[in-house]
Amino acid sequence: GQRVRATYAEKGGVKEIVLLKPAVTTDEQLGKEVKQALAAAKDYTFQQKDKYEAELRRVADDVDDRIDQLEAEAKDAGVEAKAKLQDRIAELKKRRGALNDRLSKAGSATADAWDEFKAGVGAAGSELEKALGELLKK
C-alpha cells in the first residue's frame, strides 16, 4: 500500500477526516513542499499566526515522514547504501530540529516581534530546503 497523510477536524466531539493525501516520497518532492509552504507563509500576518504555524508544522510532519521512509530503506540496504542513507537521515533530522525549535516559539511570538520570528523560521526553512537540494545532488 501507499503511505498517506490524513488531516482531521473535530466536529461535534467526533474527529472526521477532512483531507487525505499521499505522503511525500522523495527528497525532490519534499523540497518543493518546503519551498511552497515558505512562499505561502511569508505573507501571513500576526493575526494569521495559527495558520502560519499549521502550514509549517505540516511541512515538518512531511520531513518526519520522509525520515521514517529513509530509515525503513536503510534497514534493508547494503553497507555502503546504508551509510549514505544514514548521512541523509542525520542531515534531515538536524534541519528538522532547527525548524522545530523555531516553531516551538510560535505560541509566545508577539505582534511586535512577529517579523523577527518569521525571519527566523524562514531561515530555518530555507536551510532545510537547501539541505534537501544538496541531498539530491549526492
C-alpha atoms as a PDB file:
ATOM      1  CA  GLY A   1       0.000   0.000   0.000  1.00  0.00           C
ATOM      2  CA  GLN A   2       0.887   3.632  -0.268  1.00  0.00           C
ATOM      3  CA  ARG A   3       1.580   5.883   2.704  1.00  0.00           C
ATOM      4  CA  VAL A   4      -0.960   8.678   3.134  1.00  0.00           C
ATOM      5  CA  ARG A   5      -1.434  11.637   5.427  1.00  0.00           C
ATOM      6  CA  ALA A   6      -4.837  12.162   6.994  1.00  0.00           C
ATOM      7  CA  THR A   7      -5.940  15.567   8.283  1.00  0.00           C
ATOM      8  CA  TYR A   8      -8.717  15.574  10.845  1.00  0.00           C
ATOM      9  CA  ALA A   9     -11.140  18.177  12.124  1.00  0.00           C
ATOM     10  CA  GLU A  10     -13.279  17.805  15.199  1.00  0.00           C
ATOM     11  CA  LYS A  11     -16.996  18.270  14.605  1.00  0.00           C
ATOM     12  CA  GLY A  12     -19.432  17.760  17.443  1.00  0.00           C
ATOM     13  CA  GLY A  13     -16.847  15.910  19.514  1.00  0.00           C
ATOM     14  CA  VAL A  14     -16.043  13.491  16.678  1.00  0.00           C
ATOM     15  CA  LYS A  15     -12.896  13.592  14.592  1.00  0.00           C
ATOM     16  CA  GLU A  16     -13.592  13.469  10.876  1.00  0.00           C
ATOM     17  CA  ILE A  17     -11.114  13.142   8.037  1.00  0.00           C
ATOM     18  CA  VAL A  18     -11.132  16.359   6.020  1.00  0.00           C
ATOM     19  CA  LEU A  19      -8.118  15.690   3.806  1.00  0.00           C
ATOM     20  CA  LEU A  20      -6.348  12.555   2.674  1.00  0.00           C
ATOM     21  CA  LYS A  21      -3.235  12.949   0.540  1.00  0.00           C
ATOM     22  CA  PRO A  22      -0.267  10.832  -0.481  1.00  0.00           C
ATOM     23  CA  ALA A  23       2.751  11.129   1.806  1.00  0.00           C
ATOM     24  CA  VAL A  24       5.877  12.802   0.479  1.00  0.00           C
ATOM     25  CA  THR A  25       8.008  10.070  -1.065  1.00  0.00           C
ATOM     26  CA  THR A  26      11.113  11.772  -2.476  1.00  0.00           C
ATOM     27  CA  ASP A  27      13.580  14.414  -1.379  1.00  0.00           C
ATOM     28  CA  GLU A  28      12.732  16.396  -4.509  1.00  0.00           C
ATOM     29  CA  GLN A  29       9.020  16.346  -3.715  1.00  0.00           C
ATOM     30  CA  LEU A  30       9.742  17.328  -0.124  1.00  0.00           C
ATOM     31  CA  GLY A  31      11.931  20.227  -1.308  1.00  0.00           C
ATOM     32  CA  LYS A  32       9.057  21.507  -3.448  1.00  0.00           C
ATOM     33  CA  GLU A  33       6.660  21.222  -0.495  1.00  0.00           C
ATOM     34  CA  VAL A  34       9.039  23.202   1.726  1.00  0.00           C
ATOM     35  CA  LYS A  35       9.518  25.906  -0.899  1.00  0.00           C
ATOM     36  CA  GLN A  36       5.758  26.256  -1.496  1.00  0.00           C
ATOM     37  CA  ALA A  37       4.981  26.408   2.220  1.00  0.00           C
ATOM     38  CA  LEU A  38       7.637  29.050   2.854  1.00  0.00           C
ATOM     39  CA  ALA A  39       6.359  31.131  -0.055  1.00  0.00           C
ATOM     40  CA  ALA A  40       2.769  30.890   1.164  1.00  0.00           C
ATOM     41  CA  ALA A  41       3.637  31.533   4.802  1.00  0.00           C
ATOM     42  CA  LYS A  42       5.869  34.586   4.323  1.00  0.00           C
ATOM     43  CA  ASP A  43       2.883  36.905   3.861  1.00  0.00           C
ATOM     44  CA  TYR A  44       0.970  35.753   6.936  1.00  0.00           C
ATOM     45  CA  THR A  45       0.307  38.496   9.440  1.00  0.00           C
ATOM     46  CA  PHE A  46       0.439  38.189  13.200  1.00  0.00           C
ATOM     47  CA  GLN A  47      -3.348  37.704  13.184  1.00  0.00           C
ATOM     48  CA  GLN A  48      -2.787  34.624  10.996  1.00  0.00           C
ATOM     49  CA  LYS A  49      -0.214  33.178  13.373  1.00  0.00           C
ATOM     50  CA  ASP A  50      -2.133  29.914  13.889  1.00  0.00           C
ATOM     51  CA  LYS A  51      -2.450  29.369  10.148  1.00  0.00           C
ATOM     52  CA  TYR A  52       1.252  30.152   9.689  1.00  0.00           C
ATOM     53  CA  GLU A  53       2.230  27.655  12.349  1.00  0.00           C
ATOM     54  CA  ALA A  54      -0.100  24.969  10.950  1.00  0.00           C
ATOM     55  CA  GLU A  55       1.325  25.408   7.438  1.00  0.00           C
ATOM     56  CA  LEU A  56       4.895  24.985   8.613  1.00  0.00           C
ATOM     57  CA  ARG A  57       4.063  22.170  11.038  1.00  0.00           C
ATOM     58  CA  ARG A  58       2.604  20.298   8.052  1.00  0.00           C
ATOM     59  CA  VAL A  59       5.968  20.657   6.322  1.00  0.00           C
ATOM     60  CA  ALA A  60       7.770  19.482   9.465  1.00  0.00           C
ATOM     61  CA  ASP A  61       5.475  16.437   9.523  1.00  0.00           C
ATOM     62  CA  ASP A  62       6.360  15.768   5.878  1.00  0.00           C
ATOM     63  CA  VAL A  63      10.046  15.842   6.823  1.00  0.00           C
ATOM     64  CA  ASP A  64       9.345  13.364   9.631  1.00  0.00           C
ATOM     65  CA  ASP A  65       7.549  11.075   7.171  1.00  0.00           C
ATOM     66  CA  ARG A  66      10.493  11.243   4.766  1.00  0.00           C
ATOM     67  CA  ILE A  67      12.906  10.436   7.607  1.00  0.00           C
ATOM     68  CA  ASP A  68      10.764   7.408   8.514  1.00  0.00           C
ATOM     69  CA  GLN A  69      10.874   6.246   4.883  1.00  0.00           C
ATOM     70  CA  LEU A  70      14.646   6.654   4.676  1.00  0.00           C
ATOM     71  CA  GLU A  71      15.109   4.775   7.953  1.00  0.00           C
ATOM     72  CA  ALA A  72      12.998   1.903   6.588  1.00  0.00           C
ATOM     73  CA  GLU A  73      15.122   1.878   3.403  1.00  0.00           C
ATOM     74  CA  ALA A  74      18.315   1.871   5.488  1.00  0.00           C
ATOM     75  CA  LYS A  75      17.251  -1.277   7.343  1.00  0.00           C
ATOM     76  CA  ASP A  76      17.271  -3.276   4.110  1.00  0.00           C
ATOM     77  CA  ALA A  77      20.208  -1.539   2.433  1.00  0.00           C
ATOM     78  CA  GLY A  78      23.733  -2.800   1.925  1.00  0.00           C
ATOM     79  CA  VAL A  79      26.615  -1.380   3.938  1.00  0.00           C
ATOM     80  CA  GLU A  80      27.559   1.420   1.521  1.00  0.00           C
ATOM     81  CA  ALA A  81      23.975   2.422   0.731  1.00  0.00           C
ATOM     82  CA  LYS A  82      23.087   2.294   4.423  1.00  0.00           C
ATOM     83  CA  ALA A  83      25.909   4.720   5.257  1.00  0.00           C
ATOM     84  CA  LYS A  84      24.682   7.182   2.619  1.00  0.00           C
ATOM     85  CA  LEU A  85      21.111   6.899   3.853  1.00  0.00           C
ATOM     86  CA  GLN A  86      22.197   7.452   7.442  1.00  0.00           C
ATOM     87  CA  ASP A  87      24.035  10.626   6.387  1.00  0.00           C
ATOM     88  CA  ARG A  88      20.862  11.887   4.680  1.00  0.00           C
ATOM     89  CA  ILE A  89      18.780  10.989   7.709  1.00  0.00           C
ATOM     90  CA  ALA A  90      21.155  12.790  10.081  1.00  0.00           C
ATOM     91  CA  GLU A  91      21.126  15.934   7.916  1.00  0.00           C
ATOM     92  CA  LEU A  92      17.323  15.954   7.657  1.00  0.00           C
ATOM     93  CA  LYS A  93      16.973  15.450  11.412  1.00  0.00           C
ATOM     94  CA  LYS A  94      19.355  18.339  12.074  1.00  0.00           C
ATOM     95  CA  ARG A  95      17.450  20.710   9.767  1.00  0.00           C
ATOM     96  CA  ARG A  96      14.088  19.461  11.037  1.00  0.00           C
ATOM     97  CA  GLY A  97      15.262  20.128  14.596  1.00  0.00           C
ATOM     98  CA  ALA A  98      16.198  23.715  13.760  1.00  0.00           C
ATOM     99  CA  LEU A  99      12.787  24.323  12.179  1.00  0.00           C
ATOM    100  CA  ASN A 100      11.033  22.704  15.136  1.00  0.00           C
ATOM    101  CA  ASP A 101      12.999  24.849  17.611  1.00  0.00           C
ATOM    102  CA  ARG A 102      11.827  27.989  15.808  1.00  0.00           C
ATOM    103  CA  LEU A 103       8.229  26.780  15.526  1.00  0.00           C
ATOM    104  CA  SER A 104       8.101  25.936  19.233  1.00  0.00           C
ATOM    105  CA  LYS A 105       8.301  29.673  19.887  1.00  0.00           C
ATOM    106  CA  ALA A 106       5.242  30.453  17.755  1.00  0.00           C
ATOM    107  CA  GLY A 107       2.836  30.470  20.684  1.00  0.00           C
ATOM    108  CA  SER A 108       4.850  33.103  22.518  1.00  0.00           C
ATOM    109  CA  ALA A 109       5.518  35.309  19.485  1.00  0.00           C
ATOM    110  CA  THR A 110       4.207  38.831  19.948  1.00  0.00           C
ATOM    111  CA  ALA A 111       2.923  41.260  17.351  1.00  0.00           C
ATOM    112  CA  ASP A 112       5.987  43.460  17.919  1.00  0.00           C
ATOM    113  CA  ALA A 113       8.378  40.571  17.287  1.00  0.00           C
ATOM    114  CA  TRP A 114       6.357  38.869  14.534  1.00  0.00           C
ATOM    115  CA  ASP A 115       8.584  39.875  11.624  1.00  0.00           C
ATOM    116  CA  GLU A 116      11.695  38.777  13.502  1.00  0.00           C
ATOM    117  CA  PHE A 117      10.041  35.478  14.419  1.00  0.00           C
ATOM    118  CA  LYS A 118       9.022  34.842  10.806  1.00  0.00           C
ATOM    119  CA  ALA A 119      12.527  35.666   9.607  1.00  0.00           C
ATOM    120  CA  GLY A 120      13.988  33.066  11.969  1.00  0.00           C
ATOM    121  CA  VAL A 121      11.531  30.395  10.929  1.00  0.00           C
ATOM    122  CA  GLY A 122      12.017  31.330   7.280  1.00  0.00           C
ATOM    123  CA  ALA A 123      15.781  30.994   7.639  1.00  0.00           C
ATOM    124  CA  ALA A 124      15.422  27.557   9.240  1.00  0.00           C
ATOM    125  CA  GLY A 125      13.034  26.511   6.459  1.00  0.00           C
ATOM    126  CA  SER A 126      15.413  27.822   3.802  1.00  0.00           C
ATOM    127  CA  GLU A 127      18.257  25.825   5.356  1.00  0.00           C
ATOM    128  CA  LEU A 128      16.057  22.735   5.219  1.00  0.00           C
ATOM    129  CA  GLU A 129      15.241  23.431   1.577  1.00  0.00           C
ATOM    130  CA  LYS A 130      18.943  23.957   0.825  1.00  0.00           C
ATOM    131  CA  ALA A 131      19.880  20.699   2.562  1.00  0.00           C
ATOM    132  CA  LEU A 132      17.286  18.828   0.512  1.00  0.00           C
ATOM    133  CA  GLY A 133      18.754  20.299  -2.657  1.00  0.00           C
ATOM    134  CA  GLU A 134      22.237  19.168  -1.606  1.00  0.00           C
ATOM    135  CA  LEU A 135      20.973  15.680  -0.789  1.00  0.00           C
ATOM    136  CA  LEU A 136      19.539  15.395  -4.303  1.00  0.00           C
ATOM    137  CA  LYS A 137      22.969  16.135  -5.792  1.00  0.00           C
ATOM    138  CA  LYS A 138      24.607  13.263  -3.879  1.00  0.00           C
END
